[in-house]
Amino acid sequence: MGAAVYVYYRVAPSQRQIARELVNRVLDRMRTVHGVNGHLMESQDERLLWMEIYEAVADVEQFCTDLQATAEATGMVRTLAPGSRRHVERFVPLCA
């Protein structure tokens, strides 16, 4: 089944448009390289708080390594709000 990877962060207000374009590049690369269709959401209450969601990740360690490298290579990390960083959380199914 694999793990689910959630990445949340705040985007700088002046960087919203470019951040969206760069996140799309990140999503495209994760789909191409890992076959994982991620999607982007924003907080209903705080429009600059974003979350990338990736489900059914088979090799979570390699995926997360590539995800961070891609965020850095695209320049996406430079669009974050001052003092913000990408927080990565990994979840697996709860066994009964």
PDB file of N, CA and C in Angstrom:
ATOM      1  N   MET A   1       0.819  -1.201   0.000  1.00  0.00           N
ATOM      2  CA  MET A   1       0.000   0.000   0.000  1.00  0.00           C
ATOM      3  C   MET A   1       0.857   1.257   0.000  1.00  0.00           C
ATOM      4  N   GLY A   2       1.939   1.277   0.765  1.00  0.00           N
ATOM      5  CA  GLY A   2       2.817   2.436   0.780  1.00  0.00           C
ATOM      6  C   GLY A   2       2.407   3.471   1.803  1.00  0.00           C
ATOM      7  N   ALA A   3       3.212   4.489   1.876  1.00  0.00           N
ATOM      8  CA  ALA A   3       3.005   5.574   2.837  1.00  0.00           C
ATOM      9  C   ALA A   3       2.384   6.779   2.154  1.00  0.00           C
ATOM     10  N   ALA A   4       1.855   7.656   2.980  1.00  0.00           N
ATOM     11  CA  ALA A   4       1.388   8.964   2.514  1.00  0.00           C
ATOM     12  C   ALA A   4       2.372   9.999   3.044  1.00  0.00           C
ATOM     13  N   VAL A   5       2.744  10.939   2.190  1.00  0.00           N
ATOM     14  CA  VAL A   5       3.687  11.991   2.565  1.00  0.00           C
ATOM     15  C   VAL A   5       2.954  13.330   2.466  1.00  0.00           C
ATOM     16  N   TYR A   6       3.021  14.083   3.558  1.00  0.00           N
ATOM     17  CA  TYR A   6       2.390  15.402   3.620  1.00  0.00           C
ATOM     18  C   TYR A   6       3.482  16.427   3.879  1.00  0.00           C
ATOM     19  N   VAL A   7       3.487  17.488   3.089  1.00  0.00           N
ATOM     20  CA  VAL A   7       4.486  18.536   3.227  1.00  0.00           C
ATOM     21  C   VAL A   7       3.743  19.864   3.349  1.00  0.00           C
ATOM     22  N   TYR A   8       3.978  20.572   4.463  1.00  0.00           N
ATOM     23  CA  TYR A   8       3.298  21.852   4.626  1.00  0.00           C
ATOM     24  C   TYR A   8       4.303  22.966   4.905  1.00  0.00           C
ATOM     25  N   TYR A   9       3.915  24.180   4.515  1.00  0.00           N
ATOM     26  CA  TYR A   9       4.805  25.336   4.613  1.00  0.00           C
ATOM     27  C   TYR A   9       4.008  26.601   4.327  1.00  0.00           C
ATOM     28  N   ARG A  10       4.608  27.740   4.654  1.00  0.00           N
ATOM     29  CA  ARG A  10       4.012  29.042   4.330  1.00  0.00           C
ATOM     30  C   ARG A  10       4.797  29.677   3.196  1.00  0.00           C
ATOM     31  N   VAL A  11       4.061  30.225   2.265  1.00  0.00           N
ATOM     32  CA  VAL A  11       4.644  30.902   1.113  1.00  0.00           C
ATOM     33  C   VAL A  11       4.666  32.407   1.388  1.00  0.00           C
ATOM     34  N   ALA A  12       5.731  33.075   0.965  1.00  0.00           N
ATOM     35  CA  ALA A  12       5.809  34.530   1.089  1.00  0.00           C
ATOM     36  C   ALA A  12       4.728  35.168   0.207  1.00  0.00           C
ATOM     37  N   PRO A  13       4.010  36.161   0.722  1.00  0.00           N
ATOM     38  CA  PRO A  13       2.928  36.775  -0.062  1.00  0.00           C
ATOM     39  C   PRO A  13       3.364  37.244  -1.444  1.00  0.00           C
ATOM     40  N   SER A  14       4.539  37.810  -1.536  1.00  0.00           N
ATOM     41  CA  SER A  14       5.014  38.335  -2.823  1.00  0.00           C
ATOM     42  C   SER A  14       5.429  37.219  -3.782  1.00  0.00           C
ATOM     43  N   GLN A  15       5.513  35.989  -3.288  1.00  0.00           N
ATOM     44  CA  GLN A  15       5.996  34.867  -4.093  1.00  0.00           C
ATOM     45  C   GLN A  15       4.896  33.884  -4.484  1.00  0.00           C
ATOM     46  N   ARG A  16       3.655  34.204  -4.182  1.00  0.00           N
ATOM     47  CA  ARG A  16       2.550  33.257  -4.378  1.00  0.00           C
ATOM     48  C   ARG A  16       2.496  32.693  -5.802  1.00  0.00           C
ATOM     49  N   GLN A  17       2.536  33.540  -6.804  1.00  0.00           N
ATOM     50  CA  GLN A  17       2.398  33.076  -8.192  1.00  0.00           C
ATOM     51  C   GLN A  17       3.575  32.214  -8.630  1.00  0.00           C
ATOM     52  N   ILE A  18       4.767  32.680  -8.357  1.00  0.00           N
ATOM     53  CA  ILE A  18       5.942  31.890  -8.765  1.00  0.00           C
ATOM     54  C   ILE A  18       6.007  30.591  -7.965  1.00  0.00           C
ATOM     55  N   ALA A  19       5.620  30.636  -6.702  1.00  0.00           N
ATOM     56  CA  ALA A  19       5.608  29.415  -5.891  1.00  0.00           C
ATOM     57  C   ALA A  19       4.676  28.382  -6.500  1.00  0.00           C
ATOM     58  N   ARG A  20       3.522  28.831  -6.977  1.00  0.00           N
ATOM     59  CA  ARG A  20       2.567  27.899  -7.595  1.00  0.00           C
ATOM     60  C   ARG A  20       3.185  27.228  -8.822  1.00  0.00           C
ATOM     61  N   GLU A  21       3.855  28.002  -9.640  1.00  0.00           N
ATOM     62  CA  GLU A  21       4.499  27.448 -10.834  1.00  0.00           C
ATOM     63  C   GLU A  21       5.598  26.445 -10.459  1.00  0.00           C
ATOM     64  N   LEU A  22       6.374  26.779  -9.444  1.00  0.00           N
ATOM     65  CA  LEU A  22       7.470  25.904  -9.047  1.00  0.00           C
ATOM     66  C   LEU A  22       6.963  24.630  -8.370  1.00  0.00           C
ATOM     67  N   VAL A  23       5.900  24.730  -7.591  1.00  0.00           N
ATOM     68  CA  VAL A  23       5.317  23.528  -6.988  1.00  0.00           C
ATOM     69  C   VAL A  23       4.789  22.609  -8.081  1.00  0.00           C
ATOM     70  N   ASN A  24       4.224  23.178  -9.126  1.00  0.00           N
ATOM     71  CA  ASN A  24       3.766  22.338 -10.239  1.00  0.00           C
ATOM     72  C   ASN A  24       4.928  21.565 -10.850  1.00  0.00           C
ATOM     73  N   ARG A  25       6.093  22.172 -10.920  1.00  0.00           N
ATOM     74  CA  ARG A  25       7.279  21.460 -11.413  1.00  0.00           C
ATOM     75  C   ARG A  25       7.662  20.320 -10.480  1.00  0.00           C
ATOM     76  N   VAL A  26       7.573  20.586  -9.180  1.00  0.00           N
ATOM     77  CA  VAL A  26       7.873  19.542  -8.195  1.00  0.00           C
ATOM     78  C   VAL A  26       6.887  18.382  -8.357  1.00  0.00           C
ATOM     79  N   LEU A  27       5.602  18.696  -8.436  1.00  0.00           N
ATOM     80  CA  LEU A  27       4.578  17.669  -8.601  1.00  0.00           C
ATOM     81  C   LEU A  27       4.812  16.858  -9.875  1.00  0.00           C
ATOM     82  N   ASP A  28       5.142  17.555 -10.959  1.00  0.00           N
ATOM     83  CA  ASP A  28       5.406  16.871 -12.234  1.00  0.00           C
ATOM     84  C   ASP A  28       6.585  15.909 -12.115  1.00  0.00           C
ATOM     85  N   ARG A  29       7.636  16.342 -11.459  1.00  0.00           N
ATOM     86  CA  ARG A  29       8.818  15.476 -11.323  1.00  0.00           C
ATOM     87  C   ARG A  29       8.510  14.244 -10.471  1.00  0.00           C
ATOM     88  N   MET A  30       7.782  14.418  -9.396  1.00  0.00           N
ATOM     89  CA  MET A  30       7.446  13.277  -8.542  1.00  0.00           C
ATOM     90  C   MET A  30       6.557  12.282  -9.296  1.00  0.00           C
ATOM     91  N   ARG A  31       5.690  12.800 -10.146  1.00  0.00           N
ATOM     92  CA  ARG A  31       4.845  11.926 -10.973  1.00  0.00           C
ATOM     93  C   ARG A  31       5.701  11.182 -11.991  1.00  0.00           C
ATOM     94  N   THR A  32       6.609  11.889 -12.647  1.00  0.00           N
ATOM     95  CA  THR A  32       7.454  11.292 -13.684  1.00  0.00           C
ATOM     96  C   THR A  32       8.437  10.274 -13.105  1.00  0.00           C
ATOM     97  N   VAL A  33       9.120  10.627 -12.047  1.00  0.00           N
ATOM     98  CA  VAL A  33      10.177   9.784 -11.494  1.00  0.00           C
ATOM     99  C   VAL A  33       9.635   8.658 -10.619  1.00  0.00           C
ATOM    100  N   HIS A  34       8.609   8.950  -9.821  1.00  0.00           N
ATOM    101  CA  HIS A  34       8.128   7.972  -8.838  1.00  0.00           C
ATOM    102  C   HIS A  34       6.734   7.420  -9.145  1.00  0.00           C
ATOM    103  N   GLY A  35       6.070   7.969 -10.145  1.00  0.00           N
ATOM    104  CA  GLY A  35       4.733   7.502 -10.472  1.00  0.00           C
ATOM    105  C   GLY A  35       3.692   7.858  -9.425  1.00  0.00           C
ATOM    106  N   VAL A  36       3.968   8.902  -8.652  1.00  0.00           N
ATOM    107  CA  VAL A  36       3.062   9.324  -7.583  1.00  0.00           C
ATOM    108  C   VAL A  36       2.408  10.640  -7.975  1.00  0.00           C
ATOM    109  N   ASN A  37       1.088  10.632  -8.038  1.00  0.00           N
ATOM    110  CA  ASN A  37       0.333  11.849  -8.362  1.00  0.00           C
ATOM    111  C   ASN A  37       0.055  12.643  -7.094  1.00  0.00           C
ATOM    112  N   GLY A  38       0.851  13.662  -6.884  1.00  0.00           N
ATOM    113  CA  GLY A  38       0.640  14.539  -5.743  1.00  0.00           C
ATOM    114  C   GLY A  38      -0.325  15.650  -6.093  1.00  0.00           C
ATOM    115  N   HIS A  39      -0.838  16.311  -5.065  1.00  0.00           N
ATOM    116  CA  HIS A  39      -1.657  17.487  -5.310  1.00  0.00           C
ATOM    117  C   HIS A  39      -1.405  18.528  -4.236  1.00  0.00           C
ATOM    118  N   LEU A  40      -1.764  19.744  -4.546  1.00  0.00           N
ATOM    119  CA  LEU A  40      -1.502  20.895  -3.695  1.00  0.00           C
ATOM    120  C   LEU A  40      -2.797  21.423  -3.126  1.00  0.00           C
ATOM    121  N   MET A  41      -2.771  21.748  -1.847  1.00  0.00           N
ATOM    122  CA  MET A  41      -3.921  22.349  -1.189  1.00  0.00           C
ATOM    123  C   MET A  41      -3.457  23.581  -0.433  1.00  0.00           C
ATOM    124  N   GLU A  42      -4.406  24.465  -0.142  1.00  0.00           N
ATOM    125  CA  GLU A  42      -4.115  25.614   0.706  1.00  0.00           C
ATOM    126  C   GLU A  42      -5.099  25.612   1.866  1.00  0.00           C
ATOM    127  N   SER A  43      -4.686  26.191   2.974  1.00  0.00           N
ATOM    128  CA  SER A  43      -5.561  26.262   4.132  1.00  0.00           C
ATOM    129  C   SER A  43      -6.747  27.164   3.815  1.00  0.00           C
ATOM    130  N   GLN A  44      -7.907  26.731   4.222  1.00  0.00           N
ATOM    131  CA  GLN A  44      -9.109  27.548   4.015  1.00  0.00           C
ATOM    132  C   GLN A  44      -9.010  28.857   4.794  1.00  0.00           C
ATOM    133  N   ASP A  45      -8.332  28.825   5.932  1.00  0.00           N
ATOM    134  CA  ASP A  45      -8.255  29.993   6.798  1.00  0.00           C
ATOM    135  C   ASP A  45      -7.001  30.834   6.607  1.00  0.00           C
ATOM    136  N   GLU A  46      -6.006  30.252   5.991  1.00  0.00           N
ATOM    137  CA  GLU A  46      -4.735  30.954   5.795  1.00  0.00           C
ATOM    138  C   GLU A  46      -4.205  30.602   4.415  1.00  0.00           C
ATOM    139  N   ARG A  47      -4.527  31.406   3.424  1.00  0.00           N
ATOM    140  CA  ARG A  47      -4.276  31.085   2.013  1.00  0.00           C
ATOM    141  C   ARG A  47      -2.813  30.896   1.643  1.00  0.00           C
ATOM    142  N   LEU A  48      -1.910  31.320   2.483  1.00  0.00           N
ATOM    143  CA  LEU A  48      -0.488  31.136   2.184  1.00  0.00           C
ATOM    144  C   LEU A  48       0.110  29.933   2.908  1.00  0.00           C
ATOM    145  N   LEU A  49      -0.724  29.168   3.596  1.00  0.00           N
ATOM    146  CA  LEU A  49      -0.302  27.918   4.206  1.00  0.00           C
ATOM    147  C   LEU A  49      -0.696  26.802   3.245  1.00  0.00           C
ATOM    148  N   TRP A  50       0.307  26.179   2.653  1.00  0.00           N
ATOM    149  CA  TRP A  50       0.084  25.180   1.604  1.00  0.00           C
ATOM    150  C   TRP A  50       0.487  23.794   2.082  1.00  0.00           C
ATOM    151  N   MET A  51      -0.125  22.797   1.439  1.00  0.00           N
ATOM    152  CA  MET A  51       0.229  21.414   1.722  1.00  0.00           C
ATOM    153  C   MET A  51       0.274  20.617   0.428  1.00  0.00           C
ATOM    154  N   GLU A  52       1.392  19.937   0.232  1.00  0.00           N
ATOM    155  CA  GLU A  52       1.516  18.967  -0.850  1.00  0.00           C
ATOM    156  C   GLU A  52       1.170  17.604  -0.261  1.00  0.00           C
ATOM    157  N   ILE A  53       0.381  16.830  -0.991  1.00  0.00           N
ATOM    158  CA  ILE A  53      -0.032  15.509  -0.527  1.00  0.00           C
ATOM    159  C   ILE A  53       0.348  14.474  -1.580  1.00  0.00           C
ATOM    160  N   TYR A  54       1.057  13.456  -1.130  1.00  0.00           N
ATOM    161  CA  TYR A  54       1.473  12.356  -1.993  1.00  0.00           C
ATOM    162  C   TYR A  54       1.034  11.059  -1.318  1.00  0.00           C
ATOM    163  N   GLU A  55       0.267  10.236  -2.017  1.00  0.00           N
ATOM    164  CA  GLU A  55      -0.229   8.996  -1.423  1.00  0.00           C
ATOM    165  C   GLU A  55       0.326   7.786  -2.171  1.00  0.00           C
ATOM    166  N   ALA A  56       0.330   6.666  -1.483  1.00  0.00           N
ATOM    167  CA  ALA A  56       0.806   5.387  -2.044  1.00  0.00           C
ATOM    168  C   ALA A  56       2.259   5.485  -2.505  1.00  0.00           C
ATOM    169  N   VAL A  57       3.103   6.032  -1.655  1.00  0.00           N
ATOM    170  CA  VAL A  57       4.531   6.141  -1.941  1.00  0.00           C
ATOM    171  C   VAL A  57       5.197   4.831  -1.523  1.00  0.00           C
ATOM    172  N   ALA A  58       5.779   4.135  -2.477  1.00  0.00           N
ATOM    173  CA  ALA A  58       6.372   2.817  -2.215  1.00  0.00           C
ATOM    174  C   ALA A  58       7.685   2.927  -1.434  1.00  0.00           C
ATOM    175  N   ASP A  59       8.628   3.698  -1.932  1.00  0.00           N
ATOM    176  CA  ASP A  59       9.939   3.846  -1.287  1.00  0.00           C
ATOM    177  C   ASP A  59       9.989   5.246  -0.680  1.00  0.00           C
ATOM    178  N   VAL A  60       9.492   5.368   0.525  1.00  0.00           N
ATOM    179  CA  VAL A  60       9.314   6.683   1.134  1.00  0.00           C
ATOM    180  C   VAL A  60      10.643   7.393   1.381  1.00  0.00           C
ATOM    181  N   GLU A  61      11.690   6.652   1.731  1.00  0.00           N
ATOM    182  CA  GLU A  61      12.984   7.294   1.979  1.00  0.00           C
ATOM    183  C   GLU A  61      13.535   7.934   0.709  1.00  0.00           C
ATOM    184  N   GLN A  62      13.547   7.185  -0.379  1.00  0.00           N
ATOM    185  CA  GLN A  62      14.046   7.710  -1.647  1.00  0.00           C
ATOM    186  C   GLN A  62      13.151   8.842  -2.142  1.00  0.00           C
ATOM    187  N   PHE A  63      11.855   8.670  -2.002  1.00  0.00           N
ATOM    188  CA  PHE A  63      10.906   9.689  -2.431  1.00  0.00           C
ATOM    189  C   PHE A  63      11.169  11.007  -1.704  1.00  0.00           C
ATOM    190  N   CYS A  64      11.318  10.946  -0.394  1.00  0.00           N
ATOM    191  CA  CYS A  64      11.530  12.171   0.383  1.00  0.00           C
ATOM    192  C   CYS A  64      12.864  12.830   0.065  1.00  0.00           C
ATOM    193  N   THR A  65      13.879  12.009  -0.183  1.00  0.00           N
ATOM    194  CA  THR A  65      15.174  12.556  -0.594  1.00  0.00           C
ATOM    195  C   THR A  65      15.035  13.296  -1.921  1.00  0.00           C
ATOM    196  N   ASP A  66      14.379  12.659  -2.894  1.00  0.00           N
ATOM    197  CA  ASP A  66      14.169  13.291  -4.205  1.00  0.00           C
ATOM    198  C   ASP A  66      13.264  14.512  -4.100  1.00  0.00           C
ATOM    199  N   LEU A  67      12.271  14.438  -3.257  1.00  0.00           N
ATOM    200  CA  LEU A  67      11.340  15.561  -3.089  1.00  0.00           C
ATOM    201  C   LEU A  67      12.074  16.803  -2.589  1.00  0.00           C
ATOM    202  N   GLN A  68      12.913  16.622  -1.582  1.00  0.00           N
ATOM    203  CA  GLN A  68      13.666  17.761  -1.052  1.00  0.00           C
ATOM    204  C   GLN A  68      14.644  18.299  -2.093  1.00  0.00           C
ATOM    205  N   ALA A  69      15.336  17.405  -2.771  1.00  0.00           N
ATOM    206  CA  ALA A  69      16.288  17.837  -3.797  1.00  0.00           C
ATOM    207  C   ALA A  69      15.578  18.592  -4.918  1.00  0.00           C
ATOM    208  N   THR A  70      14.403  18.142  -5.296  1.00  0.00           N
ATOM    209  CA  THR A  70      13.644  18.802  -6.357  1.00  0.00           C
ATOM    210  C   THR A  70      13.153  20.174  -5.905  1.00  0.00           C
ATOM    211  N   ALA A  71      12.684  20.272  -4.671  1.00  0.00           N
ATOM    212  CA  ALA A  71      12.231  21.571  -4.145  1.00  0.00           C
ATOM    213  C   ALA A  71      13.384  22.573  -4.141  1.00  0.00           C
ATOM    214  N   GLU A  72      14.568  22.097  -3.816  1.00  0.00           N
ATOM    215  CA  GLU A  72      15.737  22.974  -3.822  1.00  0.00           C
ATOM    216  C   GLU A  72      16.175  23.309  -5.248  1.00  0.00           C
ATOM    217  N   ALA A  73      16.220  22.319  -6.117  1.00  0.00           N
ATOM    218  CA  ALA A  73      16.692  22.527  -7.491  1.00  0.00           C
ATOM    219  C   ALA A  73      15.782  23.456  -8.280  1.00  0.00           C
ATOM    220  N   THR A  74      14.480  23.390  -8.053  1.00  0.00           N
ATOM    221  CA  THR A  74      13.547  24.268  -8.765  1.00  0.00           C
ATOM    222  C   THR A  74      13.545  25.687  -8.212  1.00  0.00           C
ATOM    223  N   GLY A  75      14.079  25.862  -7.013  1.00  0.00           N
ATOM    224  CA  GLY A  75      14.032  27.167  -6.367  1.00  0.00           C
ATOM    225  C   GLY A  75      12.774  27.371  -5.548  1.00  0.00           C
ATOM    226  N   MET A  76      11.958  26.337  -5.446  1.00  0.00           N
ATOM    227  CA  MET A  76      10.704  26.446  -4.709  1.00  0.00           C
ATOM    228  C   MET A  76      10.940  26.864  -3.256  1.00  0.00           C
ATOM    229  N   VAL A  77      12.009  26.355  -2.648  1.00  0.00           N
ATOM    230  CA  VAL A  77      12.275  26.678  -1.243  1.00  0.00           C
ATOM    231  C   VAL A  77      12.556  28.168  -1.035  1.00  0.00           C
ATOM    232  N   ARG A  78      12.977  28.855  -2.083  1.00  0.00           N
ATOM    233  CA  ARG A  78      13.244  30.299  -1.958  1.00  0.00           C
ATOM    234  C   ARG A  78      11.970  31.134  -1.979  1.00  0.00           C
ATOM    235  N   THR A  79      10.821  30.496  -2.196  1.00  0.00           N
ATOM    236  CA  THR A  79       9.552  31.236  -2.200  1.00  0.00           C
ATOM    237  C   THR A  79       8.842  31.169  -0.853  1.00  0.00           C
ATOM    238  N   LEU A  80       9.461  30.499   0.111  1.00  0.00           N
ATOM    239  CA  LEU A  80       8.831  30.359   1.419  1.00  0.00           C
ATOM    240  C   LEU A  80       8.859  31.671   2.190  1.00  0.00           C
ATOM    241  N   ALA A  81       7.900  31.815   3.087  1.00  0.00           N
ATOM    242  CA  ALA A  81       7.855  32.995   3.949  1.00  0.00           C
ATOM    243  C   ALA A  81       9.089  33.007   4.846  1.00  0.00           C
ATOM    244  N   PRO A  82       9.563  34.189   5.215  1.00  0.00           N
ATOM    245  CA  PRO A  82      10.718  34.262   6.116  1.00  0.00           C
ATOM    246  C   PRO A  82      10.453  33.453   7.390  1.00  0.00           C
ATOM    247  N   GLY A  83      11.427  32.635   7.753  1.00  0.00           N
ATOM    248  CA  GLY A  83      11.305  31.806   8.953  1.00  0.00           C
ATOM    249  C   GLY A  83      10.546  30.513   8.740  1.00  0.00           C
ATOM    250  N   SER A  84      10.004  30.308   7.550  1.00  0.00           N
ATOM    251  CA  SER A  84       9.255  29.089   7.271  1.00  0.00           C
ATOM    252  C   SER A  84      10.181  28.046   6.668  1.00  0.00           C
ATOM    253  N   ARG A  85       9.782  26.802   6.772  1.00  0.00           N
ATOM    254  CA  ARG A  85      10.496  25.709   6.137  1.00  0.00           C
ATOM    255  C   ARG A  85       9.475  24.655   5.739  1.00  0.00           C
ATOM    256  N   ARG A  86       9.891  23.731   4.910  1.00  0.00           N
ATOM    257  CA  ARG A  86       9.022  22.629   4.492  1.00  0.00           C
ATOM    258  C   ARG A  86       9.024  21.567   5.582  1.00  0.00           C
ATOM    259  N   HIS A  87       7.860  21.307   6.148  1.00  0.00           N
ATOM    260  CA  HIS A  87       7.692  20.278   7.175  1.00  0.00           C
ATOM    261  C   HIS A  87       7.172  19.018   6.490  1.00  0.00           C
ATOM    262  N   VAL A  88       7.878  17.917   6.635  1.00  0.00           N
ATOM    263  CA  VAL A  88       7.495  16.656   5.992  1.00  0.00           C
ATOM    264  C   VAL A  88       6.999  15.689   7.058  1.00  0.00           C
ATOM    265  N   GLU A  89       5.804  15.163   6.826  1.00  0.00           N
ATOM    266  CA  GLU A  89       5.228  14.149   7.708  1.00  0.00           C
ATOM    267  C   GLU A  89       4.932  12.915   6.866  1.00  0.00           C
ATOM    268  N   ARG A  90       5.186  11.734   7.437  1.00  0.00           N
ATOM    269  CA  ARG A  90       4.965  10.469   6.734  1.00  0.00           C
ATOM    270  C   ARG A  90       3.969   9.643   7.552  1.00  0.00           C
ATOM    271  N   PHE A  91       2.969   9.110   6.875  1.00  0.00           N
ATOM    272  CA  PHE A  91       1.960   8.302   7.548  1.00  0.00           C
ATOM    273  C   PHE A  91       1.817   6.963   6.835  1.00  0.00           C
ATOM    274  N   VAL A  92       1.597   5.926   7.622  1.00  0.00           N
ATOM    275  CA  VAL A  92       1.342   4.591   7.086  1.00  0.00           C
ATOM    276  C   VAL A  92       0.001   4.113   7.636  1.00  0.00           C
ATOM    277  N   PRO A  93      -0.632   3.152   6.952  1.00  0.00           N
ATOM    278  CA  PRO A  93      -1.919   2.644   7.435  1.00  0.00           C
ATOM    279  C   PRO A  93      -1.793   2.071   8.850  1.00  0.00           C
ATOM    280  N   LEU A  94      -2.793   2.306   9.628  1.00  0.00           N
ATOM    281  CA  LEU A  94      -2.850   1.781  10.988  1.00  0.00           C
ATOM    282  C   LEU A  94      -3.307   0.328  10.927  1.00  0.00           C
ATOM    283  N   CYS A  95      -2.495  -0.566  11.454  1.00  0.00           N
ATOM    284  CA  CYS A  95      -2.850  -1.986  11.440  1.00  0.00           C
ATOM    285  C   CYS A  95      -3.912  -2.265  12.501  1.00  0.00           C
ATOM    286  N   ALA A  96      -4.855  -3.099  12.155  1.00  0.00           N
ATOM    287  CA  ALA A  96      -5.937  -3.418  13.098  1.00  0.00           C
ATOM    288  C   ALA A  96      -5.489  -4.404  14.142  1.00  0.00           C
TER     289      ALA A  96
END
